[in-house]
């Protein structure tokens, strides 16, 4: 399988909106579905859907998504509820929080990662019990 075909298969759903190269947006983006960004964004991106960041994209934002595929530049904190895939030549600076993280060779990542605990593997909480009459 070619890398391009593999990358296309990582994003589910039809792209409903596109911010092209040379286009800038400042503010909050909220949507359902899949959006591709190849331009510049400064602000916040919030969705339960998917975000595709192209190689020419430069994003300075707080990002909260269902899933993310990034080949461009992101400066900011990212929370993905399903998965984050960083593909070369991505440059990401910030904190990543996601249950699944895939980093391709050639990606530059500067920051911290929190992959948390999946609910089925979480340790049971230890609560002391009190006996009546003590």
C-alpha atoms as a PDB file:
ATOM      1  CA  UNK A   1       0.000   0.000   0.000  1.00  0.00           C
ATOM      2  CA  UNK A   2       1.387   3.442  -0.881  1.00  0.00           C
ATOM      3  CA  UNK A   3       1.804   6.052   1.845  1.00  0.00           C
ATOM      4  CA  UNK A   4      -0.685   8.359   0.120  1.00  0.00           C
ATOM      5  CA  UNK A   5      -3.332   5.635  -0.021  1.00  0.00           C
ATOM      6  CA  UNK A   6      -2.597   4.704   3.605  1.00  0.00           C
ATOM      7  CA  UNK A   7      -3.000   8.353   4.670  1.00  0.00           C
ATOM      8  CA  UNK A   8      -6.323   8.687   2.847  1.00  0.00           C
ATOM      9  CA  UNK A   9      -7.652   5.580   4.565  1.00  0.00           C
ATOM     10  CA  UNK A  10      -6.899   7.002   8.029  1.00  0.00           C
ATOM     11  CA  UNK A  11      -9.638   9.623   7.740  1.00  0.00           C
ATOM     12  CA  UNK A  12     -13.190   8.426   7.854  1.00  0.00           C
ATOM     13  CA  UNK A  13     -16.021  10.404   6.351  1.00  0.00           C
ATOM     14  CA  UNK A  14     -16.380  12.886   3.556  1.00  0.00           C
ATOM     15  CA  UNK A  15     -14.641  16.248   3.921  1.00  0.00           C
ATOM     16  CA  UNK A  16     -17.398  18.801   4.537  1.00  0.00           C
ATOM     17  CA  UNK A  17     -15.237  21.942   4.571  1.00  0.00           C
ATOM     18  CA  UNK A  18     -11.811  23.012   3.365  1.00  0.00           C
ATOM     19  CA  UNK A  19      -9.581  25.941   4.331  1.00  0.00           C
ATOM     20  CA  UNK A  20      -7.149  26.243   1.435  1.00  0.00           C
ATOM     21  CA  UNK A  21      -3.482  27.197   1.273  1.00  0.00           C
ATOM     22  CA  UNK A  22      -3.008  30.956   1.558  1.00  0.00           C
ATOM     23  CA  UNK A  23      -6.258  31.385   3.517  1.00  0.00           C
ATOM     24  CA  UNK A  24      -6.246  32.637   7.117  1.00  0.00           C
ATOM     25  CA  UNK A  25      -8.892  32.314   9.819  1.00  0.00           C
ATOM     26  CA  UNK A  26      -8.890  33.776  13.324  1.00  0.00           C
ATOM     27  CA  UNK A  27     -11.488  32.655  15.851  1.00  0.00           C
ATOM     28  CA  UNK A  28     -13.366  29.532  16.896  1.00  0.00           C
ATOM     29  CA  UNK A  29     -14.182  26.722  14.452  1.00  0.00           C
ATOM     30  CA  UNK A  30     -16.869  24.222  15.481  1.00  0.00           C
ATOM     31  CA  UNK A  31     -18.317  21.566  13.186  1.00  0.00           C
ATOM     32  CA  UNK A  32     -19.540  18.000  12.748  1.00  0.00           C
ATOM     33  CA  UNK A  33     -17.919  15.708  10.195  1.00  0.00           C
ATOM     34  CA  UNK A  34     -14.450  16.033   8.659  1.00  0.00           C
ATOM     35  CA  UNK A  35     -12.629  19.292   7.871  1.00  0.00           C
ATOM     36  CA  UNK A  36      -9.305  19.721   6.062  1.00  0.00           C
ATOM     37  CA  UNK A  37      -7.084  22.736   6.745  1.00  0.00           C
ATOM     38  CA  UNK A  38      -4.209  23.718   4.450  1.00  0.00           C
ATOM     39  CA  UNK A  39      -4.157  27.399   5.445  1.00  0.00           C
ATOM     40  CA  UNK A  40      -3.557  29.314   8.679  1.00  0.00           C
ATOM     41  CA  UNK A  41      -5.755  29.162  11.788  1.00  0.00           C
ATOM     42  CA  UNK A  42      -5.348  31.150  15.011  1.00  0.00           C
ATOM     43  CA  UNK A  43      -7.841  30.348  17.775  1.00  0.00           C
ATOM     44  CA  UNK A  44      -9.780  27.213  18.720  1.00  0.00           C
ATOM     45  CA  UNK A  45     -10.976  24.134  16.846  1.00  0.00           C
ATOM     46  CA  UNK A  46     -13.712  22.072  18.509  1.00  0.00           C
ATOM     47  CA  UNK A  47     -15.457  19.009  17.055  1.00  0.00           C
ATOM     48  CA  UNK A  48     -16.428  15.428  17.761  1.00  0.00           C
ATOM     49  CA  UNK A  49     -15.508  14.752  14.133  1.00  0.00           C
ATOM     50  CA  UNK A  50     -12.178  14.554  12.315  1.00  0.00           C
ATOM     51  CA  UNK A  51      -9.584  17.189  11.496  1.00  0.00           C
ATOM     52  CA  UNK A  52      -7.080  16.796   8.665  1.00  0.00           C
ATOM     53  CA  UNK A  53      -4.134  19.214   8.734  1.00  0.00           C
ATOM     54  CA  UNK A  54      -2.296  19.430   5.412  1.00  0.00           C
ATOM     55  CA  UNK A  55       1.452  19.973   4.952  1.00  0.00           C
ATOM     56  CA  UNK A  56       1.068  23.698   4.193  1.00  0.00           C
ATOM     57  CA  UNK A  57      -1.119  24.387   7.258  1.00  0.00           C
ATOM     58  CA  UNK A  58       0.067  26.533  10.163  1.00  0.00           C
ATOM     59  CA  UNK A  59      -2.212  26.288  13.177  1.00  0.00           C
ATOM     60  CA  UNK A  60      -1.889  28.148  16.486  1.00  0.00           C
ATOM     61  CA  UNK A  61      -4.865  26.852  18.423  1.00  0.00           C
ATOM     62  CA  UNK A  62      -6.330  24.865  21.251  1.00  0.00           C
ATOM     63  CA  UNK A  63      -7.751  21.777  19.537  1.00  0.00           C
ATOM     64  CA  UNK A  64     -10.408  19.342  20.774  1.00  0.00           C
ATOM     65  CA  UNK A  65     -11.404  16.709  18.198  1.00  0.00           C
ATOM     66  CA  UNK A  66     -12.606  13.165  17.742  1.00  0.00           C
ATOM     67  CA  UNK A  67      -9.577  12.298  15.604  1.00  0.00           C
ATOM     68  CA  UNK A  68      -6.680  14.173  14.012  1.00  0.00           C
ATOM     69  CA  UNK A  69      -4.368  13.478  11.084  1.00  0.00           C
ATOM     70  CA  UNK A  70      -1.616  16.105  10.890  1.00  0.00           C
ATOM     71  CA  UNK A  71       1.069  16.656   8.267  1.00  0.00           C
ATOM     72  CA  UNK A  72       1.452  20.395   8.902  1.00  0.00           C
ATOM     73  CA  UNK A  73       2.404  22.661  11.797  1.00  0.00           C
ATOM     74  CA  UNK A  74       0.429  22.879  15.042  1.00  0.00           C
ATOM     75  CA  UNK A  75       1.382  25.045  18.007  1.00  0.00           C
ATOM     76  CA  UNK A  76      -1.055  24.447  20.861  1.00  0.00           C
ATOM     77  CA  UNK A  77      -2.646  21.814  23.032  1.00  0.00           C
ATOM     78  CA  UNK A  78      -4.509  18.942  21.379  1.00  0.00           C
ATOM     79  CA  UNK A  79      -7.155  16.649  22.872  1.00  0.00           C
ATOM     80  CA  UNK A  80      -8.408  13.817  20.652  1.00  0.00           C
ATOM     81  CA  UNK A  81     -10.991  11.391  22.001  1.00  0.00           C
ATOM     82  CA  UNK A  82     -10.187   8.640  19.476  1.00  0.00           C
ATOM     83  CA  UNK A  83      -6.773   8.953  17.801  1.00  0.00           C
ATOM     84  CA  UNK A  84      -3.994  11.292  16.666  1.00  0.00           C
ATOM     85  CA  UNK A  85      -1.806  10.450  13.693  1.00  0.00           C
ATOM     86  CA  UNK A  86       1.227  12.646  12.964  1.00  0.00           C
ATOM     87  CA  UNK A  87       2.633  12.171   9.463  1.00  0.00           C
ATOM     88  CA  UNK A  88       5.858  13.621   8.040  1.00  0.00           C
ATOM     89  CA  UNK A  89       6.701  16.456   7.754  1.00  0.00           C
ATOM     90  CA  UNK A  90       4.464  17.503  10.691  1.00  0.00           C
ATOM     91  CA  UNK A  91       5.803  19.828  13.382  1.00  0.00           C
ATOM     92  CA  UNK A  92       3.783  19.802  16.606  1.00  0.00           C
ATOM     93  CA  UNK A  93       4.517  21.842  19.734  1.00  0.00           C
ATOM     94  CA  UNK A  94       2.307  21.471  22.800  1.00  0.00           C
ATOM     95  CA  UNK A  95       0.531  18.923  24.945  1.00  0.00           C
ATOM     96  CA  UNK A  96      -1.215  15.954  23.342  1.00  0.00           C
ATOM     97  CA  UNK A  97      -3.937  14.011  25.148  1.00  0.00           C
ATOM     98  CA  UNK A  98      -5.330  10.956  23.322  1.00  0.00           C
ATOM     99  CA  UNK A  99      -5.812   7.217  23.847  1.00  0.00           C
ATOM    100  CA  UNK A 100      -4.004   6.335  20.573  1.00  0.00           C
ATOM    101  CA  UNK A 101      -0.990   8.197  19.142  1.00  0.00           C
ATOM    102  CA  UNK A 102       0.821   7.301  15.912  1.00  0.00           C
ATOM    103  CA  UNK A 103       3.986   9.232  15.025  1.00  0.00           C
ATOM    104  CA  UNK A 104       5.549   8.616  11.622  1.00  0.00           C
ATOM    105  CA  UNK A 105       9.304   8.826  11.062  1.00  0.00           C
ATOM    106  CA  UNK A 106      10.280  12.388  10.116  1.00  0.00           C
ATOM    107  CA  UNK A 107       7.787  14.132  12.417  1.00  0.00           C
ATOM    108  CA  UNK A 108       9.065  16.724  14.909  1.00  0.00           C
ATOM    109  CA  UNK A 109       7.185  16.759  18.217  1.00  0.00           C
ATOM    110  CA  UNK A 110       8.094  19.044  21.118  1.00  0.00           C
ATOM    111  CA  UNK A 111       5.872  18.677  24.152  1.00  0.00           C
ATOM    112  CA  UNK A 112       4.201  16.188  26.428  1.00  0.00           C
ATOM    113  CA  UNK A 113       1.831  13.286  25.838  1.00  0.00           C
ATOM    114  CA  UNK A 114      -0.945  12.042  28.120  1.00  0.00           C
ATOM    115  CA  UNK A 115      -2.435   8.777  26.880  1.00  0.00           C
ATOM    116  CA  UNK A 116      -4.467   8.281  30.045  1.00  0.00           C
ATOM    117  CA  UNK A 117      -5.948   4.987  31.131  1.00  0.00           C
ATOM    118  CA  UNK A 118      -8.629   3.221  29.177  1.00  0.00           C
ATOM    119  CA  UNK A 119     -11.734   2.640  31.316  1.00  0.00           C
ATOM    120  CA  UNK A 120     -11.325  -1.148  31.192  1.00  0.00           C
ATOM    121  CA  UNK A 121      -7.766  -0.922  32.542  1.00  0.00           C
ATOM    122  CA  UNK A 122      -8.300   1.760  35.178  1.00  0.00           C
ATOM    123  CA  UNK A 123      -7.308   0.732  38.681  1.00  0.00           C
ATOM    124  CA  UNK A 124     -10.219   0.543  41.114  1.00  0.00           C
ATOM    125  CA  UNK A 125     -10.356   3.399  43.542  1.00  0.00           C
ATOM    126  CA  UNK A 126      -9.311   2.508  47.070  1.00  0.00           C
ATOM    127  CA  UNK A 127     -11.821   3.930  49.539  1.00  0.00           C
ATOM    128  CA  UNK A 128     -11.338   3.207  53.245  1.00  0.00           C
ATOM    129  CA  UNK A 129     -14.416   1.684  54.830  1.00  0.00           C
ATOM    130  CA  UNK A 130     -15.789   2.753  58.155  1.00  0.00           C
ATOM    131  CA  UNK A 131     -17.371   0.289  60.531  1.00  0.00           C
ATOM    132  CA  UNK A 132     -20.504   1.347  62.291  1.00  0.00           C
ATOM    133  CA  UNK A 133     -20.086   2.105  65.945  1.00  0.00           C
ATOM    134  CA  UNK A 134     -16.405   3.044  65.791  1.00  0.00           C
END
